[in-house]
């Protein structure tokens, strides 16, 4: 995409000034770039009302649906940020959606605390290496190469599991701005 085809700063700010539009974009990014309007509506309404989709009232759903259907999605479609098929009820990220990535940040996932897991794995590995190196009882008989291989296998398997769980996760996290509003994150 050429510089002339990118969104201007004014267009970016106009599009992103509405939390409802931002939430729609977060959700589409999390869902791989495509969603049915009904699913999009439920999640946006849930985020706005700080609840789950199952706990939403009919009025909460309807209010979000109408504004997405009549105002927000057409505006995003007009800017080529989404492709909005009203008849099919499908919304897809458009050609210009990536122009907004820097402004939207990462969409957090509610998931296993991998950072803590890896820190614990490093700590356990360090203790094992120290025990073997210091010839501690029961550990002194373990050959260093066997220990190194074991540690590499554990880290390798962990990395593969982490990668696969990240790629296959259907869990929808919350937008970063909701984490900050609730005192979570940074």
N, C-alpha and C. Protein backbone atom coordinates (compact mmCIF):
# COMPACT_ATOMS: atom_id res chain seq x y z
N UNK A 1 0.85 -1.18 0.00
CA UNK A 1 0.00 0.00 0.00
C UNK A 1 0.89 1.24 0.00
N UNK A 2 0.64 2.15 -0.89
CA UNK A 2 1.46 3.36 -0.98
C UNK A 2 1.07 4.33 0.13
N UNK A 3 1.95 5.30 0.37
CA UNK A 3 1.69 6.30 1.40
C UNK A 3 0.40 7.06 1.12
N UNK A 4 0.09 7.27 -0.17
CA UNK A 4 -1.13 8.01 -0.54
C UNK A 4 -2.39 7.23 -0.16
N UNK A 5 -2.27 5.88 -0.11
CA UNK A 5 -3.43 5.04 0.21
C UNK A 5 -3.63 4.87 1.71
N UNK A 6 -2.66 5.26 2.51
CA UNK A 6 -2.77 5.11 3.95
C UNK A 6 -3.73 6.15 4.52
N UNK A 7 -4.28 5.83 5.69
CA UNK A 7 -5.18 6.76 6.36
C UNK A 7 -4.41 7.97 6.86
N UNK A 8 -5.02 9.14 6.73
CA UNK A 8 -4.40 10.34 7.29
C UNK A 8 -4.58 10.32 8.80
N UNK A 9 -3.82 11.13 9.49
CA UNK A 9 -3.93 11.20 10.94
C UNK A 9 -5.34 11.63 11.36
N UNK A 10 -5.92 12.56 10.64
CA UNK A 10 -7.29 12.99 10.95
C UNK A 10 -8.28 11.84 10.79
N UNK A 11 -8.11 11.05 9.73
CA UNK A 11 -9.00 9.90 9.51
C UNK A 11 -8.84 8.88 10.63
N UNK A 12 -7.61 8.63 11.02
CA UNK A 12 -7.34 7.67 12.11
C UNK A 12 -8.03 8.11 13.38
N UNK A 13 -7.84 9.38 13.75
CA UNK A 13 -8.43 9.87 14.99
C UNK A 13 -9.96 9.90 14.91
N UNK A 14 -10.50 10.22 13.77
CA UNK A 14 -11.96 10.22 13.59
C UNK A 14 -12.52 8.81 13.78
N UNK A 15 -11.86 7.84 13.19
CA UNK A 15 -12.31 6.45 13.29
C UNK A 15 -12.19 5.93 14.72
N UNK A 16 -11.08 6.24 15.35
CA UNK A 16 -10.80 5.66 16.67
C UNK A 16 -11.38 6.44 17.85
N UNK A 17 -12.04 7.56 17.59
CA UNK A 17 -12.58 8.33 18.71
C UNK A 17 -13.75 7.60 19.38
N UNK A 18 -14.37 6.69 18.69
CA UNK A 18 -15.49 5.94 19.26
C UNK A 18 -15.01 4.62 19.87
N UNK A 19 -15.23 4.43 21.18
CA UNK A 19 -14.87 3.15 21.79
C UNK A 19 -15.56 1.97 21.11
N UNK A 20 -16.77 2.17 20.65
CA UNK A 20 -17.51 1.08 20.01
C UNK A 20 -16.79 0.62 18.74
N UNK A 21 -16.25 1.55 17.96
CA UNK A 21 -15.51 1.18 16.76
C UNK A 21 -14.19 0.50 17.13
N UNK A 22 -13.54 1.01 18.17
CA UNK A 22 -12.28 0.37 18.61
C UNK A 22 -12.55 -1.05 19.06
N UNK A 23 -13.60 -1.25 19.86
CA UNK A 23 -13.92 -2.59 20.34
C UNK A 23 -14.22 -3.53 19.17
N UNK A 24 -14.92 -3.02 18.17
CA UNK A 24 -15.23 -3.85 16.99
C UNK A 24 -13.93 -4.27 16.30
N UNK A 25 -13.00 -3.35 16.19
CA UNK A 25 -11.72 -3.67 15.54
C UNK A 25 -10.90 -4.64 16.39
N UNK A 26 -10.89 -4.46 17.72
CA UNK A 26 -10.20 -5.41 18.59
C UNK A 26 -10.77 -6.82 18.37
N UNK A 27 -12.09 -6.89 18.37
CA UNK A 27 -12.73 -8.20 18.23
C UNK A 27 -12.40 -8.84 16.89
N UNK A 28 -12.48 -8.09 15.82
CA UNK A 28 -12.17 -8.63 14.50
C UNK A 28 -10.72 -9.12 14.43
N UNK A 29 -9.82 -8.38 15.02
CA UNK A 29 -8.42 -8.80 15.03
C UNK A 29 -8.26 -10.11 15.79
N UNK A 30 -8.96 -10.22 16.92
CA UNK A 30 -8.87 -11.44 17.73
C UNK A 30 -9.47 -12.64 17.03
N UNK A 31 -10.47 -12.41 16.20
CA UNK A 31 -11.16 -13.51 15.53
C UNK A 31 -10.55 -13.84 14.16
N UNK A 32 -9.37 -13.33 13.90
CA UNK A 32 -8.71 -13.65 12.65
C UNK A 32 -9.16 -12.78 11.48
N UNK A 33 -9.87 -11.70 11.78
CA UNK A 33 -10.23 -10.75 10.73
C UNK A 33 -11.64 -10.84 10.21
N UNK A 34 -12.43 -11.77 10.71
CA UNK A 34 -13.80 -11.92 10.21
C UNK A 34 -14.74 -12.38 11.32
N UNK A 35 -15.97 -11.87 11.25
CA UNK A 35 -16.96 -12.25 12.26
C UNK A 35 -18.37 -12.01 11.72
N UNK A 36 -19.30 -12.74 12.28
CA UNK A 36 -20.71 -12.44 12.02
C UNK A 36 -21.08 -11.22 12.86
N UNK A 37 -21.97 -10.41 12.33
CA UNK A 37 -22.39 -9.19 13.02
C UNK A 37 -22.96 -9.51 14.40
N UNK A 38 -23.71 -10.59 14.52
CA UNK A 38 -24.32 -10.93 15.81
C UNK A 38 -23.26 -11.23 16.87
N UNK A 39 -22.20 -11.96 16.49
CA UNK A 39 -21.13 -12.27 17.45
C UNK A 39 -20.36 -11.01 17.82
N UNK A 40 -20.10 -10.19 16.83
CA UNK A 40 -19.40 -8.92 17.05
C UNK A 40 -20.21 -8.04 18.01
N UNK A 41 -21.51 -7.95 17.75
CA UNK A 41 -22.40 -7.14 18.59
C UNK A 41 -22.37 -7.61 20.04
N UNK A 42 -22.47 -8.91 20.24
CA UNK A 42 -22.49 -9.45 21.61
C UNK A 42 -21.22 -9.12 22.37
N UNK A 43 -20.06 -9.31 21.72
CA UNK A 43 -18.81 -9.06 22.44
C UNK A 43 -18.61 -7.58 22.71
N UNK A 44 -18.91 -6.73 21.75
CA UNK A 44 -18.77 -5.28 21.97
C UNK A 44 -19.69 -4.84 23.10
N UNK A 45 -20.92 -5.31 23.10
CA UNK A 45 -21.86 -4.96 24.17
C UNK A 45 -21.37 -5.47 25.52
N UNK A 46 -20.82 -6.66 25.54
CA UNK A 46 -20.31 -7.22 26.79
C UNK A 46 -19.16 -6.37 27.33
N UNK A 47 -18.24 -5.97 26.45
CA UNK A 47 -17.13 -5.13 26.90
C UNK A 47 -17.64 -3.78 27.41
N UNK A 48 -18.57 -3.19 26.69
CA UNK A 48 -19.10 -1.89 27.11
C UNK A 48 -19.80 -1.96 28.45
N UNK A 49 -20.48 -3.06 28.71
CA UNK A 49 -21.25 -3.21 29.94
C UNK A 49 -20.51 -4.00 31.02
N UNK A 50 -19.23 -4.28 30.76
CA UNK A 50 -18.38 -5.00 31.71
C UNK A 50 -19.06 -6.26 32.24
N UNK A 51 -19.50 -7.09 31.28
CA UNK A 51 -20.15 -8.34 31.63
C UNK A 51 -19.80 -9.38 30.57
N UNK A 52 -20.47 -10.50 30.62
CA UNK A 52 -20.27 -11.54 29.61
C UNK A 52 -21.39 -11.48 28.58
N UNK A 53 -21.16 -12.01 27.40
CA UNK A 53 -22.24 -12.02 26.40
C UNK A 53 -23.52 -12.70 26.91
N UNK A 54 -23.38 -13.74 27.70
CA UNK A 54 -24.55 -14.46 28.20
C UNK A 54 -25.36 -13.62 29.18
N UNK A 55 -24.73 -12.68 29.86
CA UNK A 55 -25.42 -11.87 30.86
C UNK A 55 -26.02 -10.58 30.30
N UNK A 56 -25.88 -10.35 29.01
CA UNK A 56 -26.41 -9.12 28.41
C UNK A 56 -27.93 -9.12 28.36
N UNK A 57 -28.50 -7.95 28.53
CA UNK A 57 -29.95 -7.81 28.36
C UNK A 57 -30.25 -7.59 26.87
N UNK A 58 -31.48 -7.78 26.50
CA UNK A 58 -31.91 -7.56 25.12
C UNK A 58 -31.67 -6.11 24.72
N UNK A 59 -31.96 -5.17 25.62
CA UNK A 59 -31.75 -3.75 25.32
C UNK A 59 -30.28 -3.43 25.08
N UNK A 60 -29.39 -4.01 25.88
CA UNK A 60 -27.96 -3.76 25.70
C UNK A 60 -27.50 -4.26 24.33
N UNK A 61 -27.93 -5.45 23.94
CA UNK A 61 -27.58 -5.99 22.62
C UNK A 61 -28.14 -5.12 21.51
N UNK A 62 -29.41 -4.77 21.64
CA UNK A 62 -30.10 -4.02 20.59
C UNK A 62 -29.46 -2.65 20.37
N UNK A 63 -29.11 -1.98 21.47
CA UNK A 63 -28.51 -0.64 21.38
C UNK A 63 -27.19 -0.70 20.60
N UNK A 64 -26.36 -1.70 20.90
CA UNK A 64 -25.08 -1.84 20.21
C UNK A 64 -25.30 -2.28 18.76
N UNK A 65 -26.20 -3.21 18.56
CA UNK A 65 -26.47 -3.71 17.20
C UNK A 65 -26.90 -2.57 16.27
N UNK A 66 -27.83 -1.77 16.72
CA UNK A 66 -28.35 -0.68 15.88
C UNK A 66 -27.24 0.31 15.53
N UNK A 67 -26.45 0.69 16.52
CA UNK A 67 -25.40 1.67 16.22
C UNK A 67 -24.30 1.08 15.33
N UNK A 68 -23.95 -0.19 15.54
CA UNK A 68 -22.96 -0.82 14.66
C UNK A 68 -23.52 -0.91 13.23
N UNK A 69 -24.74 -1.39 13.12
CA UNK A 69 -25.38 -1.62 11.82
C UNK A 69 -25.57 -0.32 11.03
N UNK A 70 -26.04 0.72 11.71
CA UNK A 70 -26.40 1.95 11.01
C UNK A 70 -25.27 2.97 10.91
N UNK A 71 -24.36 2.99 11.88
CA UNK A 71 -23.39 4.07 11.93
C UNK A 71 -21.93 3.60 11.85
N UNK A 72 -21.52 2.81 12.82
CA UNK A 72 -20.10 2.52 12.97
C UNK A 72 -19.52 1.64 11.87
N UNK A 73 -20.18 0.55 11.53
CA UNK A 73 -19.65 -0.31 10.49
C UNK A 73 -19.68 0.35 9.11
N UNK A 74 -20.74 1.09 8.75
CA UNK A 74 -20.68 1.81 7.48
C UNK A 74 -19.53 2.83 7.42
N UNK A 75 -19.26 3.49 8.54
CA UNK A 75 -18.15 4.46 8.58
C UNK A 75 -16.82 3.74 8.38
N UNK A 76 -16.63 2.60 9.04
CA UNK A 76 -15.40 1.83 8.87
C UNK A 76 -15.30 1.26 7.46
N UNK A 77 -16.42 0.85 6.90
CA UNK A 77 -16.46 0.32 5.54
C UNK A 77 -16.09 1.40 4.53
N UNK A 78 -16.61 2.57 4.72
CA UNK A 78 -16.35 3.70 3.82
C UNK A 78 -14.85 4.03 3.78
N UNK A 79 -14.18 3.87 4.90
CA UNK A 79 -12.74 4.15 4.99
C UNK A 79 -11.90 2.93 4.58
N UNK A 80 -12.53 1.84 4.14
CA UNK A 80 -11.85 0.59 3.76
C UNK A 80 -11.10 -0.05 4.92
N UNK A 81 -11.58 0.20 6.13
CA UNK A 81 -10.98 -0.42 7.31
C UNK A 81 -11.64 -1.78 7.54
N UNK A 82 -12.92 -1.86 7.24
CA UNK A 82 -13.61 -3.15 7.25
C UNK A 82 -14.38 -3.31 5.94
N UNK A 83 -14.71 -4.55 5.64
CA UNK A 83 -15.63 -4.86 4.55
C UNK A 83 -16.90 -5.35 5.24
N UNK A 84 -17.96 -4.62 5.05
CA UNK A 84 -19.20 -4.88 5.78
C UNK A 84 -20.27 -5.31 4.79
N UNK A 85 -20.65 -6.57 4.85
CA UNK A 85 -21.70 -7.12 3.99
C UNK A 85 -22.99 -7.15 4.80
N UNK A 86 -23.82 -6.12 4.64
CA UNK A 86 -25.06 -6.01 5.42
C UNK A 86 -25.99 -7.19 5.19
N UNK A 87 -26.09 -7.62 3.92
CA UNK A 87 -27.03 -8.70 3.59
C UNK A 87 -26.63 -10.02 4.26
N UNK A 88 -25.35 -10.33 4.24
CA UNK A 88 -24.89 -11.59 4.82
C UNK A 88 -24.62 -11.47 6.32
N UNK A 89 -24.52 -10.23 6.83
CA UNK A 89 -24.24 -10.03 8.25
C UNK A 89 -22.81 -10.40 8.62
N UNK A 90 -21.88 -10.21 7.67
CA UNK A 90 -20.48 -10.56 7.88
C UNK A 90 -19.64 -9.29 7.85
N UNK A 91 -18.69 -9.22 8.77
CA UNK A 91 -17.76 -8.09 8.84
C UNK A 91 -16.35 -8.66 8.76
N UNK A 92 -15.53 -8.09 7.87
CA UNK A 92 -14.14 -8.52 7.70
C UNK A 92 -13.23 -7.30 7.80
N UNK A 93 -12.02 -7.51 8.28
CA UNK A 93 -11.04 -6.43 8.26
C UNK A 93 -10.71 -6.10 6.81
N UNK A 94 -10.60 -4.81 6.52
CA UNK A 94 -10.32 -4.36 5.16
C UNK A 94 -8.85 -4.05 4.93
N UNK A 95 -8.58 -3.51 3.75
CA UNK A 95 -7.21 -3.22 3.33
C UNK A 95 -6.50 -2.24 4.24
N UNK A 96 -7.22 -1.30 4.80
CA UNK A 96 -6.58 -0.25 5.60
C UNK A 96 -6.57 -0.55 7.10
N UNK A 97 -7.06 -1.70 7.50
CA UNK A 97 -7.12 -2.03 8.94
C UNK A 97 -5.73 -2.03 9.58
N UNK A 98 -4.74 -2.48 8.85
CA UNK A 98 -3.39 -2.55 9.43
C UNK A 98 -2.83 -1.16 9.73
N UNK A 99 -3.37 -0.11 9.09
CA UNK A 99 -2.93 1.26 9.39
C UNK A 99 -3.21 1.63 10.85
N UNK A 100 -4.14 0.92 11.48
CA UNK A 100 -4.55 1.26 12.85
C UNK A 100 -3.84 0.43 13.92
N UNK A 101 -3.07 -0.57 13.49
CA UNK A 101 -2.43 -1.47 14.46
C UNK A 101 -1.61 -0.75 15.50
N UNK A 102 -0.85 0.23 15.09
CA UNK A 102 0.01 0.95 16.03
C UNK A 102 -0.81 1.69 17.10
N UNK A 103 -2.02 2.09 16.74
CA UNK A 103 -2.87 2.83 17.68
C UNK A 103 -3.65 1.91 18.60
N UNK A 104 -3.96 0.72 18.13
CA UNK A 104 -4.79 -0.19 18.91
C UNK A 104 -3.99 -1.04 19.88
N UNK A 105 -2.71 -1.25 19.61
CA UNK A 105 -1.89 -2.04 20.52
C UNK A 105 -2.27 -3.51 20.46
N UNK A 106 -1.74 -4.25 21.41
CA UNK A 106 -1.98 -5.68 21.47
C UNK A 106 -3.33 -5.95 22.12
N UNK A 107 -3.97 -6.98 21.64
CA UNK A 107 -5.22 -7.41 22.25
C UNK A 107 -4.87 -8.52 23.21
N UNK A 108 -5.00 -8.24 24.49
CA UNK A 108 -4.59 -9.19 25.50
C UNK A 108 -5.47 -10.42 25.49
N UNK A 109 -4.87 -11.53 25.85
CA UNK A 109 -5.59 -12.79 25.95
C UNK A 109 -5.68 -13.19 27.42
N UNK A 110 -6.82 -13.69 27.79
CA UNK A 110 -6.96 -14.27 29.12
C UNK A 110 -6.43 -15.70 28.98
N UNK A 111 -5.23 -15.93 29.45
CA UNK A 111 -4.61 -17.21 29.21
C UNK A 111 -3.68 -17.61 30.33
N UNK A 112 -3.08 -18.76 30.14
CA UNK A 112 -2.09 -19.30 31.06
C UNK A 112 -0.96 -18.28 31.24
N UNK A 113 -0.48 -18.07 32.46
CA UNK A 113 0.60 -17.09 32.69
C UNK A 113 1.96 -17.63 32.25
N UNK A 114 2.20 -17.61 30.95
CA UNK A 114 3.43 -18.17 30.41
C UNK A 114 4.67 -17.49 30.95
N UNK A 115 4.62 -16.22 31.22
CA UNK A 115 5.81 -15.53 31.74
C UNK A 115 6.25 -16.12 33.07
N UNK A 116 5.30 -16.38 33.94
CA UNK A 116 5.63 -16.98 35.24
C UNK A 116 6.09 -18.42 35.10
N UNK A 117 5.48 -19.14 34.17
CA UNK A 117 5.87 -20.53 33.91
C UNK A 117 7.34 -20.59 33.49
N UNK A 118 7.73 -19.73 32.52
CA UNK A 118 9.11 -19.74 32.04
C UNK A 118 10.09 -19.31 33.14
N UNK A 119 9.69 -18.35 33.96
CA UNK A 119 10.55 -17.95 35.08
C UNK A 119 10.75 -19.12 36.05
N UNK A 120 9.69 -19.83 36.34
CA UNK A 120 9.79 -20.99 37.23
C UNK A 120 10.65 -22.08 36.60
N UNK A 121 10.51 -22.26 35.30
CA UNK A 121 11.32 -23.26 34.59
C UNK A 121 12.81 -22.90 34.65
N UNK A 122 13.12 -21.63 34.48
CA UNK A 122 14.52 -21.17 34.58
C UNK A 122 15.04 -21.39 36.01
N UNK A 123 14.22 -21.05 37.00
CA UNK A 123 14.64 -21.22 38.39
C UNK A 123 14.90 -22.70 38.70
N UNK A 124 13.98 -23.58 38.29
CA UNK A 124 14.15 -25.01 38.54
C UNK A 124 15.37 -25.55 37.81
N UNK A 125 15.57 -25.11 36.58
CA UNK A 125 16.74 -25.55 35.81
C UNK A 125 18.03 -25.09 36.47
N UNK A 126 18.04 -23.86 36.97
CA UNK A 126 19.23 -23.32 37.64
C UNK A 126 19.56 -24.11 38.90
N UNK A 127 18.54 -24.46 39.66
CA UNK A 127 18.75 -25.25 40.88
C UNK A 127 19.31 -26.63 40.51
N UNK A 128 18.76 -27.25 39.47
CA UNK A 128 19.26 -28.56 39.04
C UNK A 128 20.71 -28.48 38.57
N UNK A 129 21.03 -27.49 37.77
CA UNK A 129 22.40 -27.32 37.28
C UNK A 129 23.35 -27.09 38.46
N UNK A 130 22.95 -26.25 39.39
CA UNK A 130 23.79 -25.99 40.57
C UNK A 130 23.98 -27.27 41.39
N UNK A 131 22.93 -28.04 41.55
CA UNK A 131 23.02 -29.28 42.34
C UNK A 131 23.96 -30.28 41.66
N UNK A 132 23.88 -30.41 40.35
CA UNK A 132 24.78 -31.32 39.63
C UNK A 132 26.22 -30.79 39.68
N UNK A 133 26.38 -29.50 39.48
CA UNK A 133 27.71 -28.89 39.47
C UNK A 133 28.40 -29.01 40.84
N UNK A 134 27.61 -28.85 41.92
CA UNK A 134 28.16 -28.93 43.27
C UNK A 134 28.25 -30.36 43.79
N UNK A 135 27.90 -31.33 42.96
CA UNK A 135 27.96 -32.75 43.33
C UNK A 135 27.07 -33.06 44.54
N UNK A 136 25.90 -32.44 44.58
CA UNK A 136 24.96 -32.68 45.68
C UNK A 136 24.52 -34.15 45.66
N UNK A 137 24.22 -34.70 46.85
CA UNK A 137 23.77 -36.10 46.89
C UNK A 137 22.58 -36.32 45.95
N UNK A 138 22.59 -37.42 45.29
CA UNK A 138 21.59 -37.85 44.31
C UNK A 138 21.75 -37.13 42.96
N UNK A 139 22.25 -35.92 42.95
CA UNK A 139 22.36 -35.16 41.70
C UNK A 139 23.76 -35.26 41.10
N UNK A 140 24.75 -35.55 41.90
CA UNK A 140 26.13 -35.63 41.42
C UNK A 140 26.34 -36.72 40.39
N UNK A 141 25.50 -37.74 40.41
CA UNK A 141 25.65 -38.86 39.48
C UNK A 141 25.03 -38.58 38.11
N UNK A 142 24.31 -37.48 37.98
CA UNK A 142 23.66 -37.16 36.70
C UNK A 142 24.70 -36.52 35.77
N UNK A 143 24.90 -37.12 34.60
CA UNK A 143 25.86 -36.51 33.66
C UNK A 143 25.35 -35.15 33.17
N UNK A 144 26.28 -34.21 33.01
CA UNK A 144 25.93 -32.86 32.58
C UNK A 144 25.22 -32.83 31.23
N UNK A 145 25.65 -33.68 30.30
CA UNK A 145 25.02 -33.71 28.98
C UNK A 145 23.57 -34.18 29.07
N UNK A 146 23.31 -35.15 29.93
CA UNK A 146 21.94 -35.63 30.12
C UNK A 146 21.06 -34.52 30.70
N UNK A 147 21.58 -33.80 31.68
CA UNK A 147 20.84 -32.70 32.28
C UNK A 147 20.55 -31.60 31.26
N UNK A 148 21.57 -31.24 30.48
CA UNK A 148 21.39 -30.21 29.45
C UNK A 148 20.33 -30.64 28.43
N UNK A 149 20.37 -31.91 28.04
CA UNK A 149 19.38 -32.42 27.08
C UNK A 149 17.99 -32.37 27.67
N UNK A 150 17.87 -32.78 28.93
CA UNK A 150 16.56 -32.76 29.60
C UNK A 150 16.01 -31.33 29.67
N UNK A 151 16.84 -30.38 30.04
CA UNK A 151 16.40 -28.98 30.14
C UNK A 151 15.99 -28.46 28.76
N UNK A 152 16.77 -28.76 27.73
CA UNK A 152 16.42 -28.32 26.37
C UNK A 152 15.11 -28.93 25.91
N UNK A 153 14.89 -30.20 26.21
CA UNK A 153 13.64 -30.85 25.81
C UNK A 153 12.45 -30.21 26.52
N UNK A 154 12.58 -29.95 27.81
CA UNK A 154 11.49 -29.32 28.56
C UNK A 154 11.17 -27.94 28.01
N UNK A 155 12.21 -27.14 27.74
CA UNK A 155 11.98 -25.81 27.17
C UNK A 155 11.39 -25.92 25.76
N UNK A 156 11.90 -26.85 24.97
CA UNK A 156 11.39 -27.02 23.60
C UNK A 156 9.93 -27.44 23.58
N UNK A 157 9.56 -28.42 24.40
CA UNK A 157 8.17 -28.86 24.47
C UNK A 157 7.29 -27.73 24.98
N UNK A 158 7.76 -26.99 25.97
CA UNK A 158 7.00 -25.86 26.50
C UNK A 158 6.75 -24.81 25.43
N UNK A 159 7.78 -24.50 24.66
CA UNK A 159 7.65 -23.51 23.60
C UNK A 159 6.65 -23.96 22.53
N UNK A 160 6.67 -25.24 22.18
CA UNK A 160 5.72 -25.75 21.18
C UNK A 160 4.29 -25.68 21.73
N UNK A 161 4.09 -26.09 22.97
CA UNK A 161 2.76 -26.03 23.58
C UNK A 161 2.28 -24.58 23.65
N UNK A 162 3.16 -23.68 24.04
CA UNK A 162 2.82 -22.26 24.12
C UNK A 162 2.41 -21.74 22.75
N UNK A 163 3.19 -22.05 21.74
CA UNK A 163 2.89 -21.61 20.37
C UNK A 163 1.54 -22.16 19.90
N UNK A 164 1.31 -23.44 20.10
CA UNK A 164 0.06 -24.06 19.64
C UNK A 164 -1.15 -23.52 20.40
N UNK A 165 -0.99 -23.31 21.69
CA UNK A 165 -2.12 -22.77 22.47
C UNK A 165 -2.43 -21.35 22.04
N UNK A 166 -1.42 -20.58 21.70
CA UNK A 166 -1.62 -19.21 21.23
C UNK A 166 -2.34 -19.20 19.88
N UNK A 167 -1.91 -20.07 18.98
CA UNK A 167 -2.48 -20.11 17.63
C UNK A 167 -3.91 -20.65 17.63
N UNK A 168 -4.21 -21.59 18.50
CA UNK A 168 -5.51 -22.25 18.47
C UNK A 168 -6.51 -21.66 19.46
N UNK A 169 -6.08 -20.73 20.26
CA UNK A 169 -6.94 -20.19 21.31
C UNK A 169 -8.14 -19.47 20.72
N UNK A 170 -9.32 -19.84 21.16
CA UNK A 170 -10.52 -19.15 20.75
C UNK A 170 -10.97 -18.16 21.81
N UNK A 171 -10.21 -18.06 22.88
CA UNK A 171 -10.56 -17.17 23.98
C UNK A 171 -10.43 -15.73 23.54
N UNK A 172 -11.43 -14.96 23.82
CA UNK A 172 -11.39 -13.55 23.46
C UNK A 172 -10.98 -12.76 24.69
N UNK A 173 -9.85 -12.12 24.60
CA UNK A 173 -9.38 -11.27 25.69
C UNK A 173 -10.06 -9.91 25.59
N UNK A 174 -9.72 -9.06 26.48
CA UNK A 174 -10.32 -7.73 26.48
C UNK A 174 -9.36 -6.72 25.86
N UNK A 175 -9.89 -5.65 25.30
CA UNK A 175 -9.03 -4.61 24.74
C UNK A 175 -8.14 -4.01 25.82
N UNK A 176 -6.93 -3.61 25.45
CA UNK A 176 -6.00 -3.05 26.43
C UNK A 176 -6.57 -1.88 27.22
N UNK A 177 -7.39 -1.04 26.59
CA UNK A 177 -7.93 0.12 27.30
C UNK A 177 -8.85 -0.30 28.44
N UNK A 178 -9.49 -1.45 28.34
CA UNK A 178 -10.33 -1.94 29.43
C UNK A 178 -9.46 -2.45 30.58
N UNK A 179 -8.28 -3.00 30.27
CA UNK A 179 -7.37 -3.42 31.32
C UNK A 179 -6.90 -2.22 32.14
N UNK A 180 -6.57 -1.13 31.44
CA UNK A 180 -6.12 0.07 32.15
C UNK A 180 -7.24 0.68 32.98
N UNK A 181 -8.46 0.66 32.43
CA UNK A 181 -9.60 1.25 33.15
C UNK A 181 -9.91 0.46 34.43
N UNK A 182 -9.64 -0.85 34.40
CA UNK A 182 -9.92 -1.69 35.55
C UNK A 182 -8.71 -1.83 36.48
N UNK A 183 -7.64 -1.07 36.19
CA UNK A 183 -6.46 -1.11 37.04
C UNK A 183 -5.58 -2.30 36.79
N UNK A 184 -5.78 -3.02 35.68
CA UNK A 184 -4.95 -4.16 35.36
C UNK A 184 -3.85 -3.70 34.43
N UNK A 185 -2.87 -4.57 34.24
CA UNK A 185 -1.80 -4.30 33.27
C UNK A 185 -0.98 -3.10 33.68
N UNK A 186 -0.38 -2.44 32.62
CA UNK A 186 0.51 -1.31 32.91
C UNK A 186 -0.17 -0.01 32.84
